[in-house]
């Protein structure tokens, strides 16, 4: 149940970012945002941990800033797998990943506050 709630909130975050920043991410419908959120959740569960381990030396050298690039790469990978979800470019993917992460965090915090 918690996974489904977080998936719905991630869907909302993707849709909100695509609505307010259409030059970064293009999503045509809420169902497209849901599939993109599902793919992003799967990629973040299986591929991102491996990339984090491989990028550990770079994370140490850049004091963790490479994490922003890794998150952008995961979003760009979703765009490559699912053509209906369009990221306009590499640096746009990094910025969109930051905005989606921030929006998702705010929505998750609001959902937890409502639950209490």
PDB file of N, CA and C in Angstrom:
ATOM      1  N   UNK A   1       0.816  -1.191   0.000  1.00  0.00           N
ATOM      2  CA  UNK A   1       0.000   0.000   0.000  1.00  0.00           C
ATOM      3  C   UNK A   1       0.866   1.265   0.000  1.00  0.00           C
ATOM      4  N   UNK A   2       1.937   1.239   0.802  1.00  0.00           N
ATOM      5  CA  UNK A   2       2.824   2.393   0.871  1.00  0.00           C
ATOM      6  C   UNK A   2       3.499   2.640  -0.484  1.00  0.00           C
ATOM      7  N   UNK A   3       3.870   1.561  -1.190  1.00  0.00           N
ATOM      8  CA  UNK A   3       4.480   1.689  -2.509  1.00  0.00           C
ATOM      9  C   UNK A   3       3.519   2.369  -3.476  1.00  0.00           C
ATOM     10  N   UNK A   4       2.250   1.986  -3.432  1.00  0.00           N
ATOM     11  CA  UNK A   4       1.263   2.558  -4.338  1.00  0.00           C
ATOM     12  C   UNK A   4       1.057   4.051  -4.057  1.00  0.00           C
ATOM     13  N   UNK A   5       1.017   4.421  -2.797  1.00  0.00           N
ATOM     14  CA  UNK A   5       0.864   5.837  -2.439  1.00  0.00           C
ATOM     15  C   UNK A   5       2.069   6.634  -2.929  1.00  0.00           C
ATOM     16  N   UNK A   6       3.258   6.097  -2.701  1.00  0.00           N
ATOM     17  CA  UNK A   6       4.468   6.797  -3.155  1.00  0.00           C
ATOM     18  C   UNK A   6       4.528   6.885  -4.680  1.00  0.00           C
ATOM     19  N   UNK A   7       4.042   5.838  -5.362  1.00  0.00           N
ATOM     20  CA  UNK A   7       4.006   5.842  -6.822  1.00  0.00           C
ATOM     21  C   UNK A   7       3.033   6.905  -7.333  1.00  0.00           C
ATOM     22  N   UNK A   8       1.898   7.030  -6.691  1.00  0.00           N
ATOM     23  CA  UNK A   8       0.923   8.053  -7.078  1.00  0.00           C
ATOM     24  C   UNK A   8       1.494   9.451  -6.832  1.00  0.00           C
ATOM     25  N   UNK A   9       2.195   9.627  -5.721  1.00  0.00           N
ATOM     26  CA  UNK A   9       2.806  10.930  -5.439  1.00  0.00           C
ATOM     27  C   UNK A   9       3.933  11.246  -6.425  1.00  0.00           C
ATOM     28  N   UNK A  10       4.703  10.234  -6.815  1.00  0.00           N
ATOM     29  CA  UNK A  10       5.738  10.445  -7.830  1.00  0.00           C
ATOM     30  C   UNK A  10       5.104  10.791  -9.171  1.00  0.00           C
ATOM     31  N   UNK A  11       3.988  10.144  -9.491  1.00  0.00           N
ATOM     32  CA  UNK A  11       3.245  10.479 -10.710  1.00  0.00           C
ATOM     33  C   UNK A  11       2.814  11.938 -10.683  1.00  0.00           C
ATOM     34  N   UNK A  12       2.277  12.362  -9.544  1.00  0.00           N
ATOM     35  CA  UNK A  12       1.859  13.755  -9.406  1.00  0.00           C
ATOM     36  C   UNK A  12       3.049  14.700  -9.541  1.00  0.00           C
ATOM     37  N   UNK A  13       4.179  14.334  -8.954  1.00  0.00           N
ATOM     38  CA  UNK A  13       5.370  15.186  -9.034  1.00  0.00           C
ATOM     39  C   UNK A  13       5.841  15.325 -10.487  1.00  0.00           C
ATOM     40  N   UNK A  14       5.862  14.228 -11.211  1.00  0.00           N
ATOM     41  CA  UNK A  14       6.271  14.278 -12.624  1.00  0.00           C
ATOM     42  C   UNK A  14       5.302  15.145 -13.422  1.00  0.00           C
ATOM     43  N   UNK A  15       4.019  14.968 -13.164  1.00  0.00           N
ATOM     44  CA  UNK A  15       3.015  15.742 -13.894  1.00  0.00           C
ATOM     45  C   UNK A  15       3.109  17.230 -13.557  1.00  0.00           C
ATOM     46  N   UNK A  16       3.328  17.560 -12.290  1.00  0.00           N
ATOM     47  CA  UNK A  16       3.454  18.960 -11.876  1.00  0.00           C
ATOM     48  C   UNK A  16       4.674  19.614 -12.519  1.00  0.00           C
ATOM     49  N   UNK A  17       5.810  18.930 -12.495  1.00  0.00           N
ATOM     50  CA  UNK A  17       7.025  19.482 -13.096  1.00  0.00           C
ATOM     51  C   UNK A  17       6.848  19.647 -14.602  1.00  0.00           C
ATOM     52  N   UNK A  18       6.215  18.685 -15.250  1.00  0.00           N
ATOM     53  CA  UNK A  18       6.013  18.806 -16.699  1.00  0.00           C
ATOM     54  C   UNK A  18       5.026  19.922 -17.031  1.00  0.00           C
ATOM     55  N   UNK A  19       4.085  20.197 -16.137  1.00  0.00           N
ATOM     56  CA  UNK A  19       3.121  21.267 -16.371  1.00  0.00           C
ATOM     57  C   UNK A  19       3.769  22.645 -16.226  1.00  0.00           C
ATOM     58  N   UNK A  20       4.564  22.815 -15.169  1.00  0.00           N
ATOM     59  CA  UNK A  20       5.167  24.119 -14.910  1.00  0.00           C
ATOM     60  C   UNK A  20       6.461  24.361 -15.682  1.00  0.00           C
ATOM     61  N   UNK A  21       7.133  23.300 -16.090  1.00  0.00           N
ATOM     62  CA  UNK A  21       8.396  23.425 -16.824  1.00  0.00           C
ATOM     63  C   UNK A  21       8.355  22.568 -18.090  1.00  0.00           C
ATOM     64  N   UNK A  22       7.548  22.954 -19.070  1.00  0.00           N
ATOM     65  CA  UNK A  22       7.444  22.137 -20.291  1.00  0.00           C
ATOM     66  C   UNK A  22       8.720  22.133 -21.130  1.00  0.00           C
ATOM     67  N   UNK A  23       9.640  23.043 -20.854  1.00  0.00           N
ATOM     68  CA  UNK A  23      10.902  23.043 -21.597  1.00  0.00           C
ATOM     69  C   UNK A  23      11.869  21.988 -21.060  1.00  0.00           C
ATOM     70  N   UNK A  24      11.546  21.378 -19.912  1.00  0.00           N
ATOM     71  CA  UNK A  24      12.402  20.335 -19.339  1.00  0.00           C
ATOM     72  C   UNK A  24      11.879  18.942 -19.652  1.00  0.00           C
ATOM     73  N   UNK A  25      10.590  18.736 -19.354  1.00  0.00           N
ATOM     74  CA  UNK A  25       9.979  17.407 -19.475  1.00  0.00           C
ATOM     75  C   UNK A  25       8.638  17.564 -20.175  1.00  0.00           C
ATOM     76  N   UNK A  26       8.334  16.635 -21.069  1.00  0.00           N
ATOM     77  CA  UNK A  26       7.058  16.648 -21.790  1.00  0.00           C
ATOM     78  C   UNK A  26       6.295  15.385 -21.456  1.00  0.00           C
ATOM     79  N   UNK A  27       5.118  15.557 -20.850  1.00  0.00           N
ATOM     80  CA  UNK A  27       4.222  14.451 -20.526  1.00  0.00           C
ATOM     81  C   UNK A  27       2.852  14.826 -21.067  1.00  0.00           C
ATOM     82  N   UNK A  28       2.255  13.941 -21.856  1.00  0.00           N
ATOM     83  CA  UNK A  28       0.983  14.262 -22.489  1.00  0.00           C
ATOM     84  C   UNK A  28      -0.219  14.042 -21.580  1.00  0.00           C
ATOM     85  N   UNK A  29      -0.169  13.024 -20.734  1.00  0.00           N
ATOM     86  CA  UNK A  29      -1.333  12.705 -19.905  1.00  0.00           C
ATOM     87  C   UNK A  29      -0.871  12.163 -18.557  1.00  0.00           C
ATOM     88  N   UNK A  30      -1.826  12.032 -17.669  1.00  0.00           N
ATOM     89  CA  UNK A  30      -1.522  11.495 -16.346  1.00  0.00           C
ATOM     90  C   UNK A  30      -1.142  10.019 -16.441  1.00  0.00           C
ATOM     91  N   UNK A  31      -1.692   9.301 -17.416  1.00  0.00           N
ATOM     92  CA  UNK A  31      -1.324   7.883 -17.579  1.00  0.00           C
ATOM     93  C   UNK A  31       0.128   7.756 -18.054  1.00  0.00           C
ATOM     94  N   UNK A  32       0.572   8.683 -18.891  1.00  0.00           N
ATOM     95  CA  UNK A  32       1.973   8.702 -19.302  1.00  0.00           C
ATOM     96  C   UNK A  32       2.872   8.983 -18.109  1.00  0.00           C
ATOM     97  N   UNK A  33       2.458   9.915 -17.259  1.00  0.00           N
ATOM     98  CA  UNK A  33       3.230  10.218 -16.053  1.00  0.00           C
ATOM     99  C   UNK A  33       3.265   9.014 -15.112  1.00  0.00           C
ATOM    100  N   UNK A  34       2.162   8.257 -15.049  1.00  0.00           N
ATOM    101  CA  UNK A  34       2.127   7.081 -14.183  1.00  0.00           C
ATOM    102  C   UNK A  34       3.100   6.005 -14.680  1.00  0.00           C
ATOM    103  N   UNK A  35       3.115   5.753 -15.975  1.00  0.00           N
ATOM    104  CA  UNK A  35       4.041   4.748 -16.527  1.00  0.00           C
ATOM    105  C   UNK A  35       5.484   5.213 -16.335  1.00  0.00           C
ATOM    106  N   UNK A  36       5.742   6.499 -16.536  1.00  0.00           N
ATOM    107  CA  UNK A  36       7.090   7.034 -16.319  1.00  0.00           C
ATOM    108  C   UNK A  36       7.491   6.904 -14.851  1.00  0.00           C
ATOM    109  N   UNK A  37       6.554   7.151 -13.943  1.00  0.00           N
ATOM    110  CA  UNK A  37       6.842   7.016 -12.510  1.00  0.00           C
ATOM    111  C   UNK A  37       7.117   5.560 -12.149  1.00  0.00           C
ATOM    112  N   UNK A  38       6.358   4.650 -12.735  1.00  0.00           N
ATOM    113  CA  UNK A  38       6.583   3.224 -12.483  1.00  0.00           C
ATOM    114  C   UNK A  38       7.953   2.786 -12.987  1.00  0.00           C
ATOM    115  N   UNK A  39       8.314   3.209 -14.194  1.00  0.00           N
ATOM    116  CA  UNK A  39       9.640   2.884 -14.737  1.00  0.00           C
ATOM    117  C   UNK A  39      10.748   3.510 -13.905  1.00  0.00           C
ATOM    118  N   UNK A  40      10.548   4.756 -13.486  1.00  0.00           N
ATOM    119  CA  UNK A  40      11.552   5.425 -12.662  1.00  0.00           C
ATOM    120  C   UNK A  40      11.727   4.714 -11.325  1.00  0.00           C
ATOM    121  N   UNK A  41      10.627   4.270 -10.740  1.00  0.00           N
ATOM    122  CA  UNK A  41      10.712   3.531  -9.476  1.00  0.00           C
ATOM    123  C   UNK A  41      11.469   2.214  -9.661  1.00  0.00           C
ATOM    124  N   UNK A  42      11.200   1.518 -10.751  1.00  0.00           N
ATOM    125  CA  UNK A  42      11.908   0.253 -11.012  1.00  0.00           C
ATOM    126  C   UNK A  42      13.391   0.490 -11.272  1.00  0.00           C
ATOM    127  N   UNK A  43      13.702   1.495 -12.062  1.00  0.00           N
ATOM    128  CA  UNK A  43      15.102   1.808 -12.353  1.00  0.00           C
ATOM    129  C   UNK A  43      15.825   2.240 -11.081  1.00  0.00           C
ATOM    130  N   UNK A  44      15.158   3.056 -10.264  1.00  0.00           N
ATOM    131  CA  UNK A  44      15.775   3.494  -9.011  1.00  0.00           C
ATOM    132  C   UNK A  44      15.957   2.344  -8.027  1.00  0.00           C
ATOM    133  N   UNK A  45      15.149   1.317  -8.146  1.00  0.00           N
ATOM    134  CA  UNK A  45      15.267   0.166  -7.247  1.00  0.00           C
ATOM    135  C   UNK A  45      16.366  -0.801  -7.665  1.00  0.00           C
ATOM    136  N   UNK A  46      16.562  -0.964  -8.961  1.00  0.00           N
ATOM    137  CA  UNK A  46      17.471  -2.004  -9.431  1.00  0.00           C
ATOM    138  C   UNK A  46      18.774  -1.490 -10.041  1.00  0.00           C
ATOM    139  N   UNK A  47      18.709  -0.441 -10.826  1.00  0.00           N
ATOM    140  CA  UNK A  47      19.900   0.022 -11.550  1.00  0.00           C
ATOM    141  C   UNK A  47      20.673   1.072 -10.756  1.00  0.00           C
ATOM    142  N   UNK A  48      19.964   2.012 -10.137  1.00  0.00           N
ATOM    143  CA  UNK A  48      20.647   3.103  -9.430  1.00  0.00           C
ATOM    144  C   UNK A  48      21.572   2.637  -8.310  1.00  0.00           C
ATOM    145  N   UNK A  49      21.217   1.625  -7.519  1.00  0.00           N
ATOM    146  CA  UNK A  49      22.174   1.191  -6.485  1.00  0.00           C
ATOM    147  C   UNK A  49      23.497   0.694  -7.065  1.00  0.00           C
ATOM    148  N   UNK A  50      23.431   0.012  -8.189  1.00  0.00           N
ATOM    149  CA  UNK A  50      24.656  -0.449  -8.849  1.00  0.00           C
ATOM    150  C   UNK A  50      25.485   0.732  -9.336  1.00  0.00           C
ATOM    151  N   UNK A  51      24.827   1.718  -9.920  1.00  0.00           N
ATOM    152  CA  UNK A  51      25.539   2.905 -10.406  1.00  0.00           C
ATOM    153  C   UNK A  51      26.141   3.676  -9.232  1.00  0.00           C
ATOM    154  N   UNK A  52      25.416   3.750  -8.101  1.00  0.00           N
ATOM    155  CA  UNK A  52      25.950   4.432  -6.922  1.00  0.00           C
ATOM    156  C   UNK A  52      27.225   3.772  -6.422  1.00  0.00           C
ATOM    157  N   UNK A  53      27.243   2.459  -6.414  1.00  0.00           N
ATOM    158  CA  UNK A  53      28.440   1.747  -5.951  1.00  0.00           C
ATOM    159  C   UNK A  53      29.599   1.980  -6.920  1.00  0.00           C
ATOM    160  N   UNK A  54      29.323   1.906  -8.208  1.00  0.00           N
ATOM    161  CA  UNK A  54      30.381   2.107  -9.199  1.00  0.00           C
ATOM    162  C   UNK A  54      30.904   3.549  -9.194  1.00  0.00           C
ATOM    163  N   UNK A  55      30.039   4.489  -8.838  1.00  0.00           N
ATOM    164  CA  UNK A  55      30.428   5.902  -8.857  1.00  0.00           C
ATOM    165  C   UNK A  55      30.933   6.390  -7.504  1.00  0.00           C
ATOM    166  N   UNK A  56      31.167   5.490  -6.576  1.00  0.00           N
ATOM    167  CA  UNK A  56      31.588   5.894  -5.241  1.00  0.00           C
ATOM    168  C   UNK A  56      32.844   6.768  -5.239  1.00  0.00           C
ATOM    169  N   UNK A  57      33.881   6.442  -6.002  1.00  0.00           N
ATOM    170  CA  UNK A  57      35.054   7.332  -6.006  1.00  0.00           C
ATOM    171  C   UNK A  57      34.719   8.753  -6.490  1.00  0.00           C
ATOM    172  N   UNK A  58      33.852   8.846  -7.498  1.00  0.00           N
ATOM    173  CA  UNK A  58      33.462  10.164  -8.002  1.00  0.00           C
ATOM    174  C   UNK A  58      32.592  10.896  -6.989  1.00  0.00           C
ATOM    175  N   UNK A  59      31.762  10.152  -6.262  1.00  0.00           N
ATOM    176  CA  UNK A  59      30.937  10.780  -5.230  1.00  0.00           C
ATOM    177  C   UNK A  59      31.819  11.358  -4.132  1.00  0.00           C
ATOM    178  N   UNK A  60      32.903  10.662  -3.808  1.00  0.00           N
ATOM    179  CA  UNK A  60      33.817  11.169  -2.787  1.00  0.00           C
ATOM    180  C   UNK A  60      34.571  12.400  -3.288  1.00  0.00           C
ATOM    181  N   UNK A  61      35.009  12.359  -4.537  1.00  0.00           N
ATOM    182  CA  UNK A  61      35.762  13.481  -5.105  1.00  0.00           C
ATOM    183  C   UNK A  61      34.911  14.738  -5.277  1.00  0.00           C
ATOM    184  N   UNK A  62      33.645  14.552  -5.607  1.00  0.00           N
ATOM    185  CA  UNK A  62      32.773  15.703  -5.860  1.00  0.00           C
ATOM    186  C   UNK A  62      31.891  16.034  -4.663  1.00  0.00           C
ATOM    187  N   UNK A  63      32.175  15.408  -3.534  1.00  0.00           N
ATOM    188  CA  UNK A  63      31.391  15.623  -2.311  1.00  0.00           C
ATOM    189  C   UNK A  63      29.906  15.355  -2.534  1.00  0.00           C
ATOM    190  N   UNK A  64      29.604  14.367  -3.357  1.00  0.00           N
ATOM    191  CA  UNK A  64      28.229  13.933  -3.569  1.00  0.00           C
ATOM    192  C   UNK A  64      27.494  14.631  -4.687  1.00  0.00           C
ATOM    193  N   UNK A  65      28.105  15.614  -5.323  1.00  0.00           N
ATOM    194  CA  UNK A  65      27.406  16.346  -6.382  1.00  0.00           C
ATOM    195  C   UNK A  65      27.145  15.488  -7.616  1.00  0.00           C
ATOM    196  N   UNK A  66      27.922  14.440  -7.793  1.00  0.00           N
ATOM    197  CA  UNK A  66      27.705  13.537  -8.926  1.00  0.00           C
ATOM    198  C   UNK A  66      26.359  12.829  -8.797  1.00  0.00           C
ATOM    199  N   UNK A  67      25.797  12.817  -7.597  1.00  0.00           N
ATOM    200  CA  UNK A  67      24.486  12.207  -7.382  1.00  0.00           C
ATOM    201  C   UNK A  67      23.416  12.902  -8.217  1.00  0.00           C
ATOM    202  N   UNK A  68      23.534  14.210  -8.392  1.00  0.00           N
ATOM    203  CA  UNK A  68      22.589  14.940  -9.239  1.00  0.00           C
ATOM    204  C   UNK A  68      22.659  14.447 -10.677  1.00  0.00           C
ATOM    205  N   UNK A  69      23.868  14.206 -11.149  1.00  0.00           N
ATOM    206  CA  UNK A  69      24.057  13.713 -12.504  1.00  0.00           C
ATOM    207  C   UNK A  69      23.520  12.283 -12.633  1.00  0.00           C
ATOM    208  N   UNK A  70      23.723  11.464 -11.615  1.00  0.00           N
ATOM    209  CA  UNK A  70      23.210  10.090 -11.637  1.00  0.00           C
ATOM    210  C   UNK A  70      21.683  10.099 -11.682  1.00  0.00           C
ATOM    211  N   UNK A  71      21.062  10.952 -10.878  1.00  0.00           N
ATOM    212  CA  UNK A  71      19.600  11.046 -10.897  1.00  0.00           C
ATOM    213  C   UNK A  71      19.093  11.519 -12.262  1.00  0.00           C
ATOM    214  N   UNK A  72      19.797  12.462 -12.854  1.00  0.00           N
ATOM    215  CA  UNK A  72      19.444  12.906 -14.202  1.00  0.00           C
ATOM    216  C   UNK A  72      19.602  11.791 -15.226  1.00  0.00           C
ATOM    217  N   UNK A  73      20.636  10.988 -15.057  1.00  0.00           N
ATOM    218  CA  UNK A  73      20.848   9.859 -15.975  1.00  0.00           C
ATOM    219  C   UNK A  73      19.729   8.833 -15.855  1.00  0.00           C
ATOM    220  N   UNK A  74      19.244   8.608 -14.644  1.00  0.00           N
ATOM    221  CA  UNK A  74      18.138   7.666 -14.455  1.00  0.00           C
ATOM    222  C   UNK A  74      16.872   8.200 -15.127  1.00  0.00           C
ATOM    223  N   UNK A  75      16.633   9.498 -15.033  1.00  0.00           N
ATOM    224  CA  UNK A  75      15.480  10.102 -15.688  1.00  0.00           C
ATOM    225  C   UNK A  75      15.641  10.058 -17.210  1.00  0.00           C
ATOM    226  N   UNK A  76      16.854  10.284 -17.675  1.00  0.00           N
ATOM    227  CA  UNK A  76      17.131  10.205 -19.108  1.00  0.00           C
ATOM    228  C   UNK A  76      16.942   8.779 -19.618  1.00  0.00           C
ATOM    229  N   UNK A  77      17.296   7.787 -18.800  1.00  0.00           N
ATOM    230  CA  UNK A  77      17.091   6.386 -19.159  1.00  0.00           C
ATOM    231  C   UNK A  77      15.606   6.071 -19.297  1.00  0.00           C
ATOM    232  N   UNK A  78      14.792   6.600 -18.402  1.00  0.00           N
ATOM    233  CA  UNK A  78      13.337   6.418 -18.517  1.00  0.00           C
ATOM    234  C   UNK A  78      12.848   7.014 -19.828  1.00  0.00           C
ATOM    235  N   UNK A  79      13.369   8.167 -20.189  1.00  0.00           N
ATOM    236  CA  UNK A  79      12.999   8.813 -21.443  1.00  0.00           C
ATOM    237  C   UNK A  79      13.401   7.967 -22.652  1.00  0.00           C
ATOM    238  N   UNK A  80      14.532   7.295 -22.553  1.00  0.00           N
ATOM    239  CA  UNK A  80      14.982   6.445 -23.664  1.00  0.00           C
ATOM    240  C   UNK A  80      14.134   5.182 -23.782  1.00  0.00           C
ATOM    241  N   UNK A  81      13.690   4.650 -22.657  1.00  0.00           N
ATOM    242  CA  UNK A  81      12.891   3.420 -22.662  1.00  0.00           C
ATOM    243  C   UNK A  81      11.447   3.703 -23.062  1.00  0.00           C
ATOM    244  N   UNK A  82      10.916   4.810 -22.593  1.00  0.00           N
ATOM    245  CA  UNK A  82       9.500   5.146 -22.778  1.00  0.00           C
ATOM    246  C   UNK A  82       9.392   6.433 -23.590  1.00  0.00           C
ATOM    247  N   UNK A  83       9.214   6.337 -24.915  1.00  0.00           N
ATOM    248  CA  UNK A  83       9.271   7.520 -25.779  1.00  0.00           C
ATOM    249  C   UNK A  83       8.175   8.558 -25.532  1.00  0.00           C
ATOM    250  N   UNK A  84       7.053   8.170 -24.922  1.00  0.00           N
ATOM    251  CA  UNK A  84       5.997   9.140 -24.650  1.00  0.00           C
ATOM    252  C   UNK A  84       6.407  10.131 -23.548  1.00  0.00           C
ATOM    253  N   UNK A  85       7.391   9.738 -22.755  1.00  0.00           N
ATOM    254  CA  UNK A  85       7.950  10.610 -21.718  1.00  0.00           C
ATOM    255  C   UNK A  85       9.210  11.229 -22.299  1.00  0.00           C
ATOM    256  N   UNK A  86       9.158  12.527 -22.575  1.00  0.00           N
ATOM    257  CA  UNK A  86      10.263  13.179 -23.273  1.00  0.00           C
ATOM    258  C   UNK A  86      11.018  14.117 -22.343  1.00  0.00           C
ATOM    259  N   UNK A  87      12.318  13.914 -22.272  1.00  0.00           N
ATOM    260  CA  UNK A  87      13.213  14.844 -21.592  1.00  0.00           C
ATOM    261  C   UNK A  87      13.952  15.587 -22.700  1.00  0.00           C
ATOM    262  N   UNK A  88      13.992  16.903 -22.608  1.00  0.00           N
ATOM    263  CA  UNK A  88      14.462  17.723 -23.714  1.00  0.00           C
ATOM    264  C   UNK A  88      15.973  17.726 -23.925  1.00  0.00           C
ATOM    265  N   UNK A  89      16.740  17.262 -22.967  1.00  0.00           N
ATOM    266  CA  UNK A  89      18.188  17.226 -23.113  1.00  0.00           C
ATOM    267  C   UNK A  89      18.841  16.724 -21.844  1.00  0.00           C
ATOM    268  N   UNK A  90      20.177  16.618 -21.898  1.00  0.00           N
ATOM    269  CA  UNK A  90      20.909  16.052 -20.774  1.00  0.00           C
ATOM    270  C   UNK A  90      20.820  16.924 -19.525  1.00  0.00           C
ATOM    271  N   UNK A  91      21.153  18.213 -19.655  1.00  0.00           N
ATOM    272  CA  UNK A  91      21.118  19.089 -18.490  1.00  0.00           C
ATOM    273  C   UNK A  91      19.687  19.373 -18.048  1.00  0.00           C
ATOM    274  N   UNK A  92      18.758  19.318 -18.990  1.00  0.00           N
ATOM    275  CA  UNK A  92      17.354  19.429 -18.625  1.00  0.00           C
ATOM    276  C   UNK A  92      16.917  18.230 -17.787  1.00  0.00           C
ATOM    277  N   UNK A  93      17.487  17.060 -18.081  1.00  0.00           N
ATOM    278  CA  UNK A  93      17.188  15.861 -17.286  1.00  0.00           C
ATOM    279  C   UNK A  93      17.709  16.011 -15.862  1.00  0.00           C
ATOM    280  N   UNK A  94      18.893  16.582 -15.719  1.00  0.00           N
ATOM    281  CA  UNK A  94      19.457  16.786 -14.376  1.00  0.00           C
ATOM    282  C   UNK A  94      18.589  17.773 -13.590  1.00  0.00           C
ATOM    283  N   UNK A  95      18.229  18.887 -14.217  1.00  0.00           N
ATOM    284  CA  UNK A  95      17.389  19.873 -13.537  1.00  0.00           C
ATOM    285  C   UNK A  95      16.001  19.308 -13.248  1.00  0.00           C
ATOM    286  N   UNK A  96      15.431  18.582 -14.196  1.00  0.00           N
ATOM    287  CA  UNK A  96      14.116  17.972 -13.977  1.00  0.00           C
ATOM    288  C   UNK A  96      14.174  16.948 -12.850  1.00  0.00           C
ATOM    289  N   UNK A  97      15.260  16.192 -12.757  1.00  0.00           N
ATOM    290  CA  UNK A  97      15.399  15.218 -11.669  1.00  0.00           C
ATOM    291  C   UNK A  97      15.434  15.916 -10.316  1.00  0.00           C
ATOM    292  N   UNK A  98      16.116  17.046 -10.245  1.00  0.00           N
ATOM    293  CA  UNK A  98      16.152  17.811  -9.001  1.00  0.00           C
ATOM    294  C   UNK A  98      14.754  18.314  -8.649  1.00  0.00           C
ATOM    295  N   UNK A  99      14.048  18.860  -9.628  1.00  0.00           N
ATOM    296  CA  UNK A  99      12.709  19.398  -9.380  1.00  0.00           C
ATOM    297  C   UNK A  99      11.715  18.294  -9.021  1.00  0.00           C
ATOM    298  N   UNK A 100      11.800  17.156  -9.710  1.00  0.00           N
ATOM    299  CA  UNK A 100      10.907  16.041  -9.405  1.00  0.00           C
ATOM    300  C   UNK A 100      11.198  15.501  -8.009  1.00  0.00           C
ATOM    301  N   UNK A 101      12.466  15.398  -7.650  1.00  0.00           N
ATOM    302  CA  UNK A 101      12.827  14.928  -6.306  1.00  0.00           C
ATOM    303  C   UNK A 101      12.298  15.876  -5.237  1.00  0.00           C
ATOM    304  N   UNK A 102      12.464  17.164  -5.456  1.00  0.00           N
ATOM    305  CA  UNK A 102      11.984  18.153  -4.497  1.00  0.00           C
ATOM    306  C   UNK A 102      10.459  18.099  -4.367  1.00  0.00           C
ATOM    307  N   UNK A 103       9.771  18.091  -5.507  1.00  0.00           N
ATOM    308  CA  UNK A 103       8.304  18.052  -5.499  1.00  0.00           C
ATOM    309  C   UNK A 103       7.794  16.778  -4.857  1.00  0.00           C
ATOM    310  N   UNK A 104       8.423  15.668  -5.175  1.00  0.00           N
ATOM    311  CA  UNK A 104       8.029  14.389  -4.586  1.00  0.00           C
ATOM    312  C   UNK A 104       8.254  14.383  -3.077  1.00  0.00           C
ATOM    313  N   UNK A 105       9.349  14.959  -2.634  1.00  0.00           N
ATOM    314  CA  UNK A 105       9.618  15.036  -1.193  1.00  0.00           C
ATOM    315  C   UNK A 105       8.566  15.872  -0.476  1.00  0.00           C
ATOM    316  N   UNK A 106       8.198  17.001  -1.067  1.00  0.00           N
ATOM    317  CA  UNK A 106       7.172  17.853  -0.470  1.00  0.00           C
ATOM    318  C   UNK A 106       5.833  17.114  -0.414  1.00  0.00           C
ATOM    319  N   UNK A 107       5.463  16.443  -1.501  1.00  0.00           N
ATOM    320  CA  UNK A 107       4.201  15.710  -1.521  1.00  0.00           C
ATOM    321  C   UNK A 107       4.206  14.555  -0.517  1.00  0.00           C
ATOM    322  N   UNK A 108       5.326  13.857  -0.412  1.00  0.00           N
ATOM    323  CA  UNK A 108       5.423  12.764   0.565  1.00  0.00           C
ATOM    324  C   UNK A 108       5.306  13.310   1.989  1.00  0.00           C
ATOM    325  N   UNK A 109       5.922  14.445   2.247  1.00  0.00           N
ATOM    326  CA  UNK A 109       5.841  15.057   3.580  1.00  0.00           C
ATOM    327  C   UNK A 109       4.405  15.469   3.887  1.00  0.00           C
ATOM    328  N   UNK A 110       3.717  16.037   2.909  1.00  0.00           N
ATOM    329  CA  UNK A 110       2.328  16.416   3.115  1.00  0.00           C
ATOM    330  C   UNK A 110       1.445  15.198   3.348  1.00  0.00           C
ATOM    331  N   UNK A 111       1.727  14.111   2.627  1.00  0.00           N
ATOM    332  CA  UNK A 111       0.950  12.880   2.807  1.00  0.00           C
ATOM    333  C   UNK A 111       1.189  12.275   4.181  1.00  0.00           C
ATOM    334  N   UNK A 112       2.406  12.346   4.678  1.00  0.00           N
ATOM    335  CA  UNK A 112       2.701  11.825   6.018  1.00  0.00           C
ATOM    336  C   UNK A 112       2.052  12.689   7.091  1.00  0.00           C
ATOM    337  N   UNK A 113       2.020  14.004   6.867  1.00  0.00           N
ATOM    338  CA  UNK A 113       1.380  14.894   7.829  1.00  0.00           C
ATOM    339  C   UNK A 113      -0.126  14.631   7.894  1.00  0.00           C
ATOM    340  N   UNK A 114      -0.739  14.343   6.748  1.00  0.00           N
ATOM    341  CA  UNK A 114      -2.159  14.030   6.710  1.00  0.00           C
ATOM    342  C   UNK A 114      -2.460  12.721   7.423  1.00  0.00           C
ATOM    343  N   UNK A 115      -1.523  11.774   7.349  1.00  0.00           N
ATOM    344  CA  UNK A 115      -1.724  10.466   7.972  1.00  0.00           C
ATOM    345  C   UNK A 115      -1.667  10.567   9.496  1.00  0.00           C
ATOM    346  N   UNK A 116      -0.843  11.462  10.020  1.00  0.00           N
ATOM    347  CA  UNK A 116      -0.698  11.606  11.483  1.00  0.00           C
ATOM    348  C   UNK A 116      -1.856  12.260  12.117  1.00  0.00           C
TER     349      UNK A 116
END
